[in-house]
Amino acid sequence: MTNHHQELARQIVEDFRDSLAGEAREYVTESQFGDLAQAIQRALAHERGHIVDLMEAVLRSLRSGLDKPELGL
């Protein structure tokens, strides 16, 4: 997990915390906010991995096109 993702998860949790009414905020513990941040970080890591897989597929496709000789028409 990158520092950027950790900071993004922290900011999302803080924004969520700020959006809660005072009464609701009392029922959510710091541990639960921490769990939410970890869930967000896992989701970001999963998406990052998916993006890497897509980029690798594009690179393979581009490389396979380079291996083919041009017909020179």
Protein backbone atom coordinates (compact mmCIF):
# COMPACT_ATOMS: atom_id res chain seq x y z
CA MET A 1 0.00 0.00 0.00
CA THR A 2 1.38 3.38 -0.94
CA ASN A 3 1.42 6.39 1.34
CA HIS A 4 -0.90 8.06 -1.16
CA HIS A 5 -3.47 5.29 -0.72
CA GLN A 6 -3.18 5.41 3.06
CA GLU A 7 -3.72 9.16 3.03
CA LEU A 8 -6.64 8.81 0.63
CA ALA A 9 -8.27 6.18 2.87
CA ARG A 10 -7.71 8.38 5.92
CA GLN A 11 -9.31 11.35 4.16
CA ILE A 12 -12.33 9.28 3.08
CA VAL A 13 -12.84 8.10 6.67
CA GLU A 14 -12.52 11.64 7.99
CA ASP A 15 -15.01 12.90 5.42
CA PHE A 16 -17.41 10.10 6.40
CA ARG A 17 -16.92 10.87 10.10
CA ASP A 18 -17.65 14.55 9.45
CA SER A 19 -20.81 13.66 7.52
CA LEU A 20 -22.28 11.76 10.48
CA ALA A 21 -24.68 13.49 12.81
CA GLY A 22 -23.34 13.94 16.33
CA GLU A 23 -25.55 11.18 17.70
CA ALA A 24 -24.43 8.67 15.07
CA ARG A 25 -20.79 9.55 15.62
CA GLU A 26 -21.09 8.45 19.24
CA TYR A 27 -21.99 4.91 18.18
CA VAL A 28 -19.02 4.37 15.87
CA THR A 29 -15.79 3.54 17.68
CA GLU A 30 -12.28 4.53 16.65
CA SER A 31 -11.63 0.85 16.01
CA GLN A 32 -14.54 0.73 13.57
CA PHE A 33 -13.26 3.84 11.78
CA GLY A 34 -9.88 2.07 11.59
CA ASP A 35 -11.54 -1.01 10.14
CA LEU A 36 -13.23 1.19 7.53
CA ALA A 37 -9.87 2.73 6.59
CA GLN A 38 -8.35 -0.74 6.20
CA ALA A 39 -11.25 -1.88 4.02
CA ILE A 40 -10.78 1.17 1.80
CA GLN A 41 -7.04 0.48 1.58
CA ARG A 42 -7.71 -3.14 0.55
CA ALA A 43 -10.15 -1.96 -2.12
CA LEU A 44 -7.62 0.54 -3.46
CA ALA A 45 -4.89 -2.14 -3.52
CA HIS A 46 -7.23 -4.48 -5.39
CA GLU A 47 -8.02 -1.80 -7.96
CA ARG A 48 -4.33 -0.99 -8.31
CA GLY A 49 -3.61 -4.65 -9.03
CA HIS A 50 -6.42 -4.73 -11.59
CA ILE A 51 -5.01 -1.66 -13.33
CA VAL A 52 -1.55 -3.26 -13.43
CA ASP A 53 -3.05 -6.40 -15.01
CA LEU A 54 -4.80 -4.28 -17.66
CA MET A 55 -1.63 -2.34 -18.43
CA GLU A 56 0.34 -5.58 -18.77
CA ALA A 57 -2.28 -6.89 -21.21
CA VAL A 58 -2.00 -3.71 -23.28
CA LEU A 59 1.80 -3.98 -23.29
CA ARG A 60 1.63 -7.62 -24.40
CA SER A 61 -0.74 -6.62 -27.18
CA LEU A 62 1.54 -3.81 -28.31
CA ARG A 63 4.60 -6.04 -28.19
CA SER A 64 2.91 -8.75 -30.23
CA GLY A 65 2.13 -6.16 -32.88
CA LEU A 66 5.79 -5.15 -33.01
CA ASP A 67 6.91 -8.71 -33.70
CA LYS A 68 4.93 -8.93 -36.93
CA PRO A 69 6.81 -7.89 -40.07
CA GLU A 70 5.37 -5.02 -42.08
CA LEU A 71 4.22 -5.89 -45.58
CA GLY A 72 5.44 -2.60 -47.02
CA LEU A 73 2.51 -2.13 -49.37
